[in-house]
C-alpha atoms as a PDB file:
ATOM      1  CA  MET A   1     -26.046 -38.714 -11.428  1.00  0.00           C
ATOM      2  CA  GLU A   2     -26.328 -40.514  -8.083  1.00  0.00           C
ATOM      3  CA  LEU A   3     -29.827 -40.664  -6.493  1.00  0.00           C
ATOM      4  CA  THR A   4     -30.842 -41.375  -2.903  1.00  0.00           C
ATOM      5  CA  ALA A   5     -32.547 -44.722  -2.315  1.00  0.00           C
ATOM      6  CA  GLU A   6     -35.228 -43.196  -0.084  1.00  0.00           C
ATOM      7  CA  THR A   7     -36.415 -40.207  -2.148  1.00  0.00           C
ATOM      8  CA  GLY A   8     -34.907 -40.691  -5.576  1.00  0.00           C
ATOM      9  CA  LYS A   9     -33.615 -37.119  -5.445  1.00  0.00           C
ATOM     10  CA  PRO A  10     -30.069 -36.206  -6.569  1.00  0.00           C
ATOM     11  CA  VAL A  11     -27.363 -36.538  -3.934  1.00  0.00           C
ATOM     12  CA  ARG A  12     -25.568 -33.290  -3.242  1.00  0.00           C
ATOM     13  CA  GLN A  13     -21.961 -33.917  -4.171  1.00  0.00           C
ATOM     14  CA  VAL A  14     -19.489 -32.161  -1.867  1.00  0.00           C
ATOM     15  CA  ARG A  15     -16.254 -31.319  -3.623  1.00  0.00           C
ATOM     16  CA  PRO A  16     -13.064 -32.474  -1.884  1.00  0.00           C
ATOM     17  CA  LEU A  17     -11.195 -30.170   0.463  1.00  0.00           C
ATOM     18  CA  HIS A  18      -8.051 -30.182  -1.686  1.00  0.00           C
ATOM     19  CA  GLY A  19      -7.561 -29.680  -5.393  1.00  0.00           C
ATOM     20  CA  ALA A  20      -4.556 -30.634  -7.497  1.00  0.00           C
ATOM     21  CA  PRO A  21      -1.291 -30.459  -5.522  1.00  0.00           C
ATOM     22  CA  ARG A  22       1.168 -27.668  -6.141  1.00  0.00           C
ATOM     23  CA  GLY A  23       3.649 -28.511  -8.900  1.00  0.00           C
ATOM     24  CA  THR A  24       7.400 -28.803  -8.383  1.00  0.00           C
ATOM     25  CA  TRP A  25       8.360 -25.391  -9.744  1.00  0.00           C
ATOM     26  CA  PRO A  26       5.553 -23.519  -7.937  1.00  0.00           C
ATOM     27  CA  GLN A  27       6.613 -25.331  -4.759  1.00  0.00           C
ATOM     28  CA  ILE A  28      10.214 -24.215  -5.255  1.00  0.00           C
ATOM     29  CA  GLY A  29       8.913 -20.710  -5.885  1.00  0.00           C
ATOM     30  CA  THR A  30       6.983 -20.821  -2.606  1.00  0.00           C
ATOM     31  CA  TYR A  31      10.159 -21.624  -0.712  1.00  0.00           C
ATOM     32  CA  LEU A  32      12.045 -18.842  -2.489  1.00  0.00           C
ATOM     33  CA  PHE A  33       9.323 -16.219  -1.931  1.00  0.00           C
ATOM     34  CA  ILE A  34       9.310 -17.008   1.784  1.00  0.00           C
ATOM     35  CA  ILE A  35      12.970 -17.694   2.545  1.00  0.00           C
ATOM     36  CA  VAL A  36      14.783 -15.073   0.419  1.00  0.00           C
ATOM     37  CA  PRO A  37      12.838 -12.058   1.757  1.00  0.00           C
ATOM     38  CA  PHE A  38      13.132 -13.500   5.271  1.00  0.00           C
ATOM     39  CA  LEU A  39      16.914 -13.666   4.969  1.00  0.00           C
ATOM     40  CA  ALA A  40      16.840 -10.022   3.911  1.00  0.00           C
ATOM     41  CA  LEU A  41      14.709  -9.212   6.970  1.00  0.00           C
ATOM     42  CA  VAL A  42      17.232 -10.912   9.255  1.00  0.00           C
ATOM     43  CA  ALA A  43      20.118  -9.059   7.583  1.00  0.00           C
ATOM     44  CA  ALA A  44      18.228  -5.764   7.879  1.00  0.00           C
ATOM     45  CA  VAL A  45      19.052  -5.327  11.561  1.00  0.00           C
ATOM     46  CA  PRO A  46      22.859  -5.012  11.266  1.00  0.00           C
ATOM     47  CA  LEU A  47      22.653  -3.310   7.857  1.00  0.00           C
ATOM     48  CA  ALA A  48      20.358  -0.579   9.206  1.00  0.00           C
ATOM     49  CA  TRP A  49      23.305   0.775  11.216  1.00  0.00           C
ATOM     50  CA  GLY A  50      25.497   1.230   8.172  1.00  0.00           C
ATOM     51  CA  ARG A  51      25.157   3.166   4.927  1.00  0.00           C
ATOM     52  CA  TRP A  52      22.558   0.750   3.579  1.00  0.00           C
ATOM     53  CA  LEU A  53      19.493   2.577   4.911  1.00  0.00           C
ATOM     54  CA  GLY A  54      18.411   6.071   3.934  1.00  0.00           C
ATOM     55  CA  TRP A  55      15.273   8.199   4.114  1.00  0.00           C
ATOM     56  CA  LEU A  56      14.422   7.407   0.511  1.00  0.00           C
ATOM     57  CA  ASP A  57      14.529   3.679   1.288  1.00  0.00           C
ATOM     58  CA  LEU A  58      12.226   4.185   4.285  1.00  0.00           C
ATOM     59  CA  GLY A  59       9.801   6.284   2.264  1.00  0.00           C
ATOM     60  CA  LEU A  60       9.594   3.779  -0.563  1.00  0.00           C
ATOM     61  CA  ALA A  61       9.265   0.869   1.860  1.00  0.00           C
ATOM     62  CA  ALA A  62       6.417   2.619   3.701  1.00  0.00           C
ATOM     63  CA  PHE A  63       4.626   3.416   0.433  1.00  0.00           C
ATOM     64  CA  PHE A  64       4.845  -0.108  -0.978  1.00  0.00           C
ATOM     65  CA  TYR A  65       4.038  -1.636   2.418  1.00  0.00           C
ATOM     66  CA  ALA A  66       0.853   0.421   2.752  1.00  0.00           C
ATOM     67  CA  ALA A  67      -0.245  -0.210  -0.845  1.00  0.00           C
ATOM     68  CA  THR A  68       0.304  -3.968  -0.785  1.00  0.00           C
ATOM     69  CA  CYS A  69      -0.934  -4.462   2.774  1.00  0.00           C
ATOM     70  CA  LEU A  70      -4.187  -2.682   1.933  1.00  0.00           C
ATOM     71  CA  GLY A  71      -4.369  -4.726  -1.247  1.00  0.00           C
ATOM     72  CA  VAL A  72      -4.518  -7.793   0.989  1.00  0.00           C
ATOM     73  CA  THR A  73      -6.699  -6.456   3.814  1.00  0.00           C
ATOM     74  CA  VAL A  74      -9.227  -4.471   1.775  1.00  0.00           C
ATOM     75  CA  GLY A  75      -8.934  -6.450  -1.457  1.00  0.00           C
ATOM     76  CA  PHE A  76      -8.101 -10.109  -0.903  1.00  0.00           C
ATOM     77  CA  HIS A  77      -9.726 -10.259   2.535  1.00  0.00           C
ATOM     78  CA  ARG A  78     -12.700  -7.955   3.062  1.00  0.00           C
ATOM     79  CA  TYR A  79     -13.783  -7.699  -0.569  1.00  0.00           C
ATOM     80  CA  PHE A  80     -12.888 -10.880  -2.452  1.00  0.00           C
ATOM     81  CA  THR A  81     -13.157 -13.342   0.429  1.00  0.00           C
ATOM     82  CA  HIS A  82     -16.062 -11.902   2.422  1.00  0.00           C
ATOM     83  CA  ARG A  83     -17.820  -9.512   0.014  1.00  0.00           C
ATOM     84  CA  ALA A  84     -18.098  -6.790   2.652  1.00  0.00           C
ATOM     85  CA  PHE A  85     -18.920  -4.334  -0.150  1.00  0.00           C
ATOM     86  CA  LYS A  86     -19.470  -4.151  -3.885  1.00  0.00           C
ATOM     87  CA  ALA A  87     -16.791  -2.596  -6.082  1.00  0.00           C
ATOM     88  CA  THR A  88     -16.620  -1.089  -9.533  1.00  0.00           C
ATOM     89  CA  ARG A  89     -14.644  -3.054 -12.089  1.00  0.00           C
ATOM     90  CA  PRO A  90     -11.543  -0.765 -12.005  1.00  0.00           C
ATOM     91  CA  LEU A  91     -11.466  -0.935  -8.193  1.00  0.00           C
ATOM     92  CA  ARG A  92     -11.930  -4.718  -8.250  1.00  0.00           C
ATOM     93  CA  VAL A  93      -9.041  -5.229 -10.651  1.00  0.00           C
ATOM     94  CA  GLY A  94      -6.862  -2.683  -8.845  1.00  0.00           C
ATOM     95  CA  LEU A  95      -7.383  -4.396  -5.495  1.00  0.00           C
ATOM     96  CA  ALA A  96      -6.580  -7.774  -7.045  1.00  0.00           C
ATOM     97  CA  ILE A  97      -3.300  -6.436  -8.446  1.00  0.00           C
ATOM     98  CA  ALA A  98      -2.313  -4.631  -5.230  1.00  0.00           C
ATOM     99  CA  GLY A  99      -2.983  -7.770  -3.184  1.00  0.00           C
ATOM    100  CA  SER A 100      -1.003  -9.915  -5.610  1.00  0.00           C
ATOM    101  CA  MET A 101       1.976  -7.589  -5.149  1.00  0.00           C
ATOM    102  CA  ALA A 102       2.108  -8.564  -1.463  1.00  0.00           C
ATOM    103  CA  LEU A 103       3.534 -11.929  -2.636  1.00  0.00           C
ATOM    104  CA  GLN A 104       1.195 -14.014  -0.496  1.00  0.00           C
ATOM    105  CA  GLY A 105       0.219 -16.238  -3.401  1.00  0.00           C
ATOM    106  CA  PRO A 106      -2.134 -15.869  -6.375  1.00  0.00           C
ATOM    107  CA  ILE A 107      -5.513 -14.385  -5.533  1.00  0.00           C
ATOM    108  CA  THR A 108      -7.665 -17.471  -6.056  1.00  0.00           C
ATOM    109  CA  HIS A 109      -5.437 -19.593  -3.820  1.00  0.00           C
ATOM    110  CA  TRP A 110      -5.448 -16.913  -1.107  1.00  0.00           C
ATOM    111  CA  VAL A 111      -9.218 -16.530  -1.109  1.00  0.00           C
ATOM    112  CA  ALA A 112      -9.878 -20.274  -1.204  1.00  0.00           C
ATOM    113  CA  ASP A 113      -7.536 -20.799   1.774  1.00  0.00           C
ATOM    114  CA  HIS A 114      -9.198 -18.071   3.793  1.00  0.00           C
ATOM    115  CA  ARG A 115     -12.744 -19.175   3.085  1.00  0.00           C
ATOM    116  CA  ARG A 116     -11.735 -22.679   4.124  1.00  0.00           C
ATOM    117  CA  HIS A 117     -10.232 -21.213   7.297  1.00  0.00           C
ATOM    118  CA  HIS A 118     -13.589 -19.661   8.186  1.00  0.00           C
ATOM    119  CA  ALA A 119     -15.519 -22.799   7.281  1.00  0.00           C
ATOM    120  CA  PHE A 120     -13.425 -24.910   9.692  1.00  0.00           C
ATOM    121  CA  SER A 121     -11.952 -22.281  12.010  1.00  0.00           C
ATOM    122  CA  ASP A 122      -9.852 -23.905  14.756  1.00  0.00           C
ATOM    123  CA  ARG A 123     -11.289 -27.311  13.844  1.00  0.00           C
ATOM    124  CA  ASP A 124     -10.174 -30.193  11.671  1.00  0.00           C
ATOM    125  CA  GLY A 125      -9.946 -28.821   8.132  1.00  0.00           C
ATOM    126  CA  ASP A 126      -8.662 -25.372   9.081  1.00  0.00           C
ATOM    127  CA  PRO A 127      -5.461 -24.882   7.036  1.00  0.00           C
ATOM    128  CA  HIS A 128      -3.682 -22.876   9.736  1.00  0.00           C
ATOM    129  CA  SER A 129      -5.102 -23.269  13.231  1.00  0.00           C
ATOM    130  CA  PRO A 130      -2.509 -23.007  16.047  1.00  0.00           C
ATOM    131  CA  TRP A 131      -4.625 -25.500  18.015  1.00  0.00           C
ATOM    132  CA  ALA A 132      -4.231 -28.305  15.465  1.00  0.00           C
ATOM    133  CA  PHE A 133      -1.895 -30.393  17.633  1.00  0.00           C
ATOM    134  CA  GLY A 134      -3.345 -29.997  21.115  1.00  0.00           C
ATOM    135  CA  THR A 135      -2.941 -27.717  24.109  1.00  0.00           C
ATOM    136  CA  SER A 136       0.266 -28.912  25.772  1.00  0.00           C
ATOM    137  CA  PRO A 137       3.207 -26.461  25.736  1.00  0.00           C
ATOM    138  CA  PHE A 138       5.003 -28.466  23.039  1.00  0.00           C
ATOM    139  CA  ALA A 139       1.807 -28.784  20.984  1.00  0.00           C
ATOM    140  CA  LEU A 140       1.238 -25.033  21.148  1.00  0.00           C
ATOM    141  CA  VAL A 141       4.783 -24.276  20.010  1.00  0.00           C
ATOM    142  CA  ARG A 142       4.275 -26.666  17.125  1.00  0.00           C
ATOM    143  CA  GLY A 143       0.844 -25.158  16.467  1.00  0.00           C
ATOM    144  CA  PHE A 144       2.217 -21.625  16.440  1.00  0.00           C
ATOM    145  CA  TRP A 145       4.825 -22.568  13.829  1.00  0.00           C
ATOM    146  CA  HIS A 146       2.184 -24.349  11.758  1.00  0.00           C
ATOM    147  CA  ALA A 147      -0.287 -21.431  11.892  1.00  0.00           C
ATOM    148  CA  HIS A 148       2.348 -18.781  11.333  1.00  0.00           C
ATOM    149  CA  MET A 149       4.109 -20.204   8.302  1.00  0.00           C
ATOM    150  CA  GLY A 150       4.502 -23.986   8.397  1.00  0.00           C
ATOM    151  CA  TRP A 151       1.197 -24.593   6.615  1.00  0.00           C
ATOM    152  CA  LEU A 152       2.412 -22.628   3.593  1.00  0.00           C
ATOM    153  CA  PHE A 153       4.819 -25.407   2.622  1.00  0.00           C
ATOM    154  CA  ASP A 154       2.038 -27.986   2.240  1.00  0.00           C
ATOM    155  CA  ARG A 155       1.787 -28.956  -1.429  1.00  0.00           C
ATOM    156  CA  ASN A 156      -1.921 -29.763  -1.086  1.00  0.00           C
ATOM    157  CA  LEU A 157      -3.808 -26.729  -2.345  1.00  0.00           C
ATOM    158  CA  THR A 158      -7.289 -25.798  -1.147  1.00  0.00           C
ATOM    159  CA  ASN A 159      -9.894 -26.702  -3.751  1.00  0.00           C
ATOM    160  CA  ALA A 160     -10.806 -23.414  -5.439  1.00  0.00           C
ATOM    161  CA  GLU A 161     -13.730 -25.042  -7.242  1.00  0.00           C
ATOM    162  CA  ARG A 162     -15.308 -25.631  -3.836  1.00  0.00           C
ATOM    163  CA  PHE A 163     -14.271 -22.469  -1.994  1.00  0.00           C
ATOM    164  CA  ALA A 164     -13.848 -19.827  -4.715  1.00  0.00           C
ATOM    165  CA  PRO A 165     -16.031 -20.696  -7.732  1.00  0.00           C
ATOM    166  CA  ASP A 166     -17.061 -17.045  -8.102  1.00  0.00           C
ATOM    167  CA  LEU A 167     -13.434 -16.032  -8.697  1.00  0.00           C
ATOM    168  CA  LEU A 168     -12.922 -18.842 -11.187  1.00  0.00           C
ATOM    169  CA  ALA A 169     -15.896 -17.465 -13.135  1.00  0.00           C
ATOM    170  CA  ASP A 170     -14.537 -13.896 -13.165  1.00  0.00           C
ATOM    171  CA  ARG A 171     -12.374 -13.390 -16.262  1.00  0.00           C
ATOM    172  CA  ASP A 172     -10.651 -10.332 -14.819  1.00  0.00           C
ATOM    173  CA  ILE A 173      -9.629 -12.175 -11.669  1.00  0.00           C
ATOM    174  CA  VAL A 174      -8.558 -15.287 -13.568  1.00  0.00           C
ATOM    175  CA  ARG A 175      -6.290 -13.043 -15.622  1.00  0.00           C
ATOM    176  CA  VAL A 176      -4.749 -11.410 -12.539  1.00  0.00           C
ATOM    177  CA  HIS A 177      -4.295 -14.858 -10.972  1.00  0.00           C
ATOM    178  CA  ARG A 178      -2.382 -16.071 -14.036  1.00  0.00           C
ATOM    179  CA  GLN A 179      -0.275 -12.894 -14.016  1.00  0.00           C
ATOM    180  CA  PHE A 180       1.083 -13.545 -10.515  1.00  0.00           C
ATOM    181  CA  GLY A 181       4.615 -13.878 -11.899  1.00  0.00           C
ATOM    182  CA  LEU A 182       4.296 -10.459 -13.551  1.00  0.00           C
ATOM    183  CA  TRP A 183       3.105  -8.757 -10.346  1.00  0.00           C
ATOM    184  CA  THR A 184       5.874 -10.508  -8.422  1.00  0.00           C
ATOM    185  CA  ALA A 185       8.412  -8.885 -10.733  1.00  0.00           C
ATOM    186  CA  VAL A 186       6.699  -5.500 -10.494  1.00  0.00           C
ATOM    187  CA  THR A 187       6.591  -5.464  -6.683  1.00  0.00           C
ATOM    188  CA  LEU A 188      10.341  -6.156  -6.500  1.00  0.00           C
ATOM    189  CA  VAL A 189      11.590  -4.191  -9.500  1.00  0.00           C
ATOM    190  CA  ALA A 190       9.456  -1.045  -9.111  1.00  0.00           C
ATOM    191  CA  PRO A 191      11.093   0.017  -5.797  1.00  0.00           C
ATOM    192  CA  ALA A 192      14.543  -0.459  -7.349  1.00  0.00           C
ATOM    193  CA  VAL A 193      13.622   1.604 -10.406  1.00  0.00           C
ATOM    194  CA  LEU A 194      12.168   4.405  -8.288  1.00  0.00           C
ATOM    195  CA  GLY A 195      15.115   4.311  -5.894  1.00  0.00           C
ATOM    196  CA  GLY A 196      17.565   4.553  -8.762  1.00  0.00           C
ATOM    197  CA  LEU A 197      15.707   7.368 -10.514  1.00  0.00           C
ATOM    198  CA  LEU A 198      15.020   9.443  -7.401  1.00  0.00           C
ATOM    199  CA  SER A 199      18.607   9.135  -6.147  1.00  0.00           C
ATOM    200  CA  TRP A 200      20.035   9.060  -9.673  1.00  0.00           C
ATOM    201  CA  SER A 201      22.412   6.292  -8.634  1.00  0.00           C
ATOM    202  CA  LEU A 202      22.843   2.552  -8.970  1.00  0.00           C
ATOM    203  CA  TRP A 203      23.398   2.319  -5.224  1.00  0.00           C
ATOM    204  CA  GLY A 204      20.003   3.925  -4.655  1.00  0.00           C
ATOM    205  CA  ALA A 205      18.429   1.206  -6.807  1.00  0.00           C
ATOM    206  CA  VAL A 206      20.214  -1.540  -4.855  1.00  0.00           C
ATOM    207  CA  THR A 207      19.213  -0.283  -1.411  1.00  0.00           C
ATOM    208  CA  ALA A 208      15.626   0.389  -2.505  1.00  0.00           C
ATOM    209  CA  PHE A 209      15.376  -3.146  -3.865  1.00  0.00           C
ATOM    210  CA  PHE A 210      16.639  -4.473  -0.545  1.00  0.00           C
ATOM    211  CA  TRP A 211      14.502  -2.357   1.825  1.00  0.00           C
ATOM    212  CA  ALA A 212      11.366  -1.516  -0.168  1.00  0.00           C
ATOM    213  CA  GLY A 213      11.448  -4.830  -2.020  1.00  0.00           C
ATOM    214  CA  LEU A 214      12.726  -7.815  -0.050  1.00  0.00           C
ATOM    215  CA  VAL A 215      12.528  -6.519   3.536  1.00  0.00           C
ATOM    216  CA  ARG A 216       9.109  -4.948   2.995  1.00  0.00           C
ATOM    217  CA  VAL A 217       7.721  -8.176   1.521  1.00  0.00           C
ATOM    218  CA  SER A 218       8.985 -10.314   4.396  1.00  0.00           C
ATOM    219  CA  PHE A 219       7.871  -7.859   7.072  1.00  0.00           C
ATOM    220  CA  LEU A 220       4.368  -7.813   5.604  1.00  0.00           C
ATOM    221  CA  HIS A 221       4.406 -11.610   5.400  1.00  0.00           C
ATOM    222  CA  HIS A 222       5.011 -11.915   9.121  1.00  0.00           C
ATOM    223  CA  VAL A 223       2.440  -9.281  10.059  1.00  0.00           C
ATOM    224  CA  THR A 224      -0.192 -11.110   8.022  1.00  0.00           C
ATOM    225  CA  TRP A 225       0.839 -14.509   9.370  1.00  0.00           C
ATOM    226  CA  SER A 226       0.706 -13.151  12.925  1.00  0.00           C
ATOM    227  CA  VAL A 227      -3.030 -12.634  12.491  1.00  0.00           C
ATOM    228  CA  ASN A 228      -3.307 -16.362  11.709  1.00  0.00           C
ATOM    229  CA  SER A 229      -1.165 -17.398  14.655  1.00  0.00           C
ATOM    230  CA  ILE A 230      -1.130 -14.826  17.486  1.00  0.00           C
ATOM    231  CA  CYS A 231      -4.726 -13.657  16.958  1.00  0.00           C
ATOM    232  CA  HIS A 232      -5.994 -17.193  17.468  1.00  0.00           C
ATOM    233  CA  MET A 233      -3.972 -17.707  20.641  1.00  0.00           C
ATOM    234  CA  ILE A 234      -3.926 -14.605  22.841  1.00  0.00           C
ATOM    235  CA  GLY A 235      -5.917 -11.405  23.218  1.00  0.00           C
ATOM    236  CA  SER A 236      -9.387 -10.231  24.226  1.00  0.00           C
ATOM    237  CA  ARG A 237     -12.627 -11.862  23.089  1.00  0.00           C
ATOM    238  CA  PRO A 238     -15.513  -9.426  23.631  1.00  0.00           C
ATOM    239  CA  PHE A 239     -17.684 -11.013  20.927  1.00  0.00           C
ATOM    240  CA  ALA A 240     -19.112 -14.517  20.703  1.00  0.00           C
ATOM    241  CA  ALA A 241     -17.376 -16.505  17.984  1.00  0.00           C
ATOM    242  CA  ARG A 242     -17.298 -20.265  17.495  1.00  0.00           C
ATOM    243  CA  ASP A 243     -13.503 -20.356  17.578  1.00  0.00           C
ATOM    244  CA  ARG A 244     -10.582 -18.864  19.507  1.00  0.00           C
ATOM    245  CA  SER A 245     -10.158 -15.689  17.465  1.00  0.00           C
ATOM    246  CA  ALA A 246      -9.019 -12.729  19.568  1.00  0.00           C
ATOM    247  CA  ASN A 247      -8.199  -9.029  19.390  1.00  0.00           C
ATOM    248  CA  PHE A 248      -4.477  -8.259  19.681  1.00  0.00           C
ATOM    249  CA  TRP A 249      -4.010  -4.491  19.802  1.00  0.00           C
ATOM    250  CA  PRO A 250      -0.207  -4.266  19.239  1.00  0.00           C
ATOM    251  CA  LEU A 251      -0.722  -5.397  15.637  1.00  0.00           C
ATOM    252  CA  ALA A 252      -3.621  -3.061  14.834  1.00  0.00           C
ATOM    253  CA  ILE A 253      -1.734  -0.367  12.919  1.00  0.00           C
ATOM    254  CA  LEU A 254       0.762  -2.636  11.148  1.00  0.00           C
ATOM    255  CA  SER A 255      -2.065  -4.967  10.046  1.00  0.00           C
ATOM    256  CA  MET A 256      -4.301  -2.050   8.974  1.00  0.00           C
ATOM    257  CA  GLY A 257      -6.990  -3.153  11.431  1.00  0.00           C
ATOM    258  CA  GLU A 258      -6.896  -6.900  10.794  1.00  0.00           C
ATOM    259  CA  SER A 259      -5.843  -7.776  14.335  1.00  0.00           C
ATOM    260  CA  TRP A 260      -9.292  -6.823  15.682  1.00  0.00           C
ATOM    261  CA  HIS A 261      -9.855 -10.434  14.810  1.00  0.00           C
ATOM    262  CA  ASN A 262     -12.536 -11.452  17.293  1.00  0.00           C
ATOM    263  CA  LEU A 263     -15.315  -9.331  15.772  1.00  0.00           C
ATOM    264  CA  HIS A 264     -14.235 -10.421  12.316  1.00  0.00           C
ATOM    265  CA  HIS A 265     -14.883 -14.066  13.166  1.00  0.00           C
ATOM    266  CA  ALA A 266     -18.116 -13.192  14.940  1.00  0.00           C
ATOM    267  CA  ASP A 267     -19.313 -11.254  11.869  1.00  0.00           C
ATOM    268  CA  PRO A 268     -17.058 -12.115   8.869  1.00  0.00           C
ATOM    269  CA  THR A 269     -18.818  -9.948   6.266  1.00  0.00           C
ATOM    270  CA  CYS A 270     -18.561  -6.771   8.332  1.00  0.00           C
ATOM    271  CA  ALA A 271     -16.477  -4.103   6.550  1.00  0.00           C
ATOM    272  CA  ARG A 272     -15.061  -2.760   9.799  1.00  0.00           C
ATOM    273  CA  HIS A 273     -13.214  -4.926  12.305  1.00  0.00           C
ATOM    274  CA  GLY A 274     -12.193  -2.369  14.919  1.00  0.00           C
ATOM    275  CA  VAL A 275     -15.487  -1.147  16.383  1.00  0.00           C
ATOM    276  CA  GLY A 276     -14.478  -0.135  19.899  1.00  0.00           C
ATOM    277  CA  ARG A 277     -13.235   3.206  21.139  1.00  0.00           C
ATOM    278  CA  GLY A 278      -9.643   3.736  19.998  1.00  0.00           C
ATOM    279  CA  GLN A 279      -9.620   0.637  17.765  1.00  0.00           C
ATOM    280  CA  ILE A 280      -7.861   2.004  14.694  1.00  0.00           C
ATOM    281  CA  ASP A 281      -8.927   0.299  11.478  1.00  0.00           C
ATOM    282  CA  VAL A 282      -7.148   1.832   8.478  1.00  0.00           C
ATOM    283  CA  SER A 283      -8.695  -0.682   6.082  1.00  0.00           C
ATOM    284  CA  ALA A 284     -12.220   0.354   7.093  1.00  0.00           C
ATOM    285  CA  ARG A 285     -11.316   3.997   6.600  1.00  0.00           C
ATOM    286  CA  LEU A 286     -10.112   3.266   3.073  1.00  0.00           C
ATOM    287  CA  ILE A 287     -13.358   1.441   2.302  1.00  0.00           C
ATOM    288  CA  TRP A 288     -15.201   4.519   3.637  1.00  0.00           C
ATOM    289  CA  LEU A 289     -13.244   6.689   1.185  1.00  0.00           C
ATOM    290  CA  PHE A 290     -14.043   4.324  -1.678  1.00  0.00           C
ATOM    291  CA  GLU A 291     -17.700   4.613  -0.720  1.00  0.00           C
ATOM    292  CA  LYS A 292     -17.524   8.423  -0.711  1.00  0.00           C
ATOM    293  CA  PHE A 293     -16.028   8.393  -4.228  1.00  0.00           C
ATOM    294  CA  GLY A 294     -18.750   6.018  -5.412  1.00  0.00           C
ATOM    295  CA  TRP A 295     -16.303   3.188  -6.130  1.00  0.00           C
ATOM    296  CA  ALA A 296     -17.686   0.980  -3.334  1.00  0.00           C
ATOM    297  CA  THR A 297     -21.388   0.417  -2.668  1.00  0.00           C
ATOM    298  CA  ASP A 298     -23.575  -1.674  -0.383  1.00  0.00           C
ATOM    299  CA  VAL A 299     -20.901  -1.543   2.308  1.00  0.00           C
ATOM    300  CA  ARG A 300     -21.765  -3.756   5.264  1.00  0.00           C
ATOM    301  CA  TRP A 301     -21.037  -1.407   8.135  1.00  0.00           C
ATOM    302  CA  PRO A 302     -21.629  -2.575  11.728  1.00  0.00           C
ATOM    303  CA  THR A 303     -24.731  -1.344  13.543  1.00  0.00           C
ATOM    304  CA  PRO A 304     -25.152  -0.935  17.314  1.00  0.00           C
ATOM    305  CA  LYS A 305     -28.025  -3.425  17.308  1.00  0.00           C
ATOM    306  CA  ARG A 306     -26.040  -6.104  15.505  1.00  0.00           C
ATOM    307  CA  LEU A 307     -22.968  -5.576  17.689  1.00  0.00           C
ATOM    308  CA  ALA A 308     -25.107  -5.879  20.813  1.00  0.00           C
ATOM    309  CA  THR A 309     -26.416  -9.288  19.737  1.00  0.00           C
ATOM    310  CA  MET A 310     -22.876 -10.610  19.315  1.00  0.00           C
ATOM    311  CA  ARG A 311     -21.320  -9.298  22.533  1.00  0.00           C
ATOM    312  CA  ARG A 312     -20.558 -11.794  25.247  1.00  0.00           C
ATOM    313  CA  SER A 313     -22.790 -11.358  28.266  1.00  0.00           C
END
């Protein structure tokens, strides 16, 4: 153990920012999980005009979008990353699985990245700040790409031992993390199975796989990534935060309330992000329901006094 020369007390060892780099096959998988659904999203526009899109496809896509998006916003983000409430064990595991099915990476990696983002928000060390390269027009274009999706291809993983030791000590969460491949298969196969059974046709399975599987995954990817990019570049900033986080109302419904990003960075552990009149926050409403059922406790709701102290004068 290293001791200081002046006091003889142990030196506090700060773990490195990055852990072991992503392996070759996981790196290939990252490219596939991003590019293949994106190609489906691009193809969705012309295919929507033909016989490829039906009401069943839309219904299944909406269902899986809502379930997996809320798995990320309520589960990965507000609960696991920021501990905005306490959850029963079944709810904790369920949220971990639902978030994993969004295909945004295994839970421990996601949480470690996001905690690091808050620790270094819009400064050196932030994994996805759009301001990383400067403020010139070219730098901002480069920064937008980096914040939106470019950072995902970096093989250097955030050190979970530094940023998510609580998850590494949770056997349930470690198990869900290791099962990421299983939940990847489920989130893509389940829509196809339901589409085939409900339409009683192979074609129904194919179109459901395309729309409620691939297109839904990619669409959710870009909504989530837009919070990292757009919501740190443009929008309103009614609350005092130490970074450039902003509220961007056009994304509020699609992101389930995550785009009320300015308050979130001013008060990260708050369970509700949209606190103004008309600021729809579906994720907060779901947490409210969990609280009513007794599945969530000690919810950190905003108070008028606390909000007043954070408002810009």
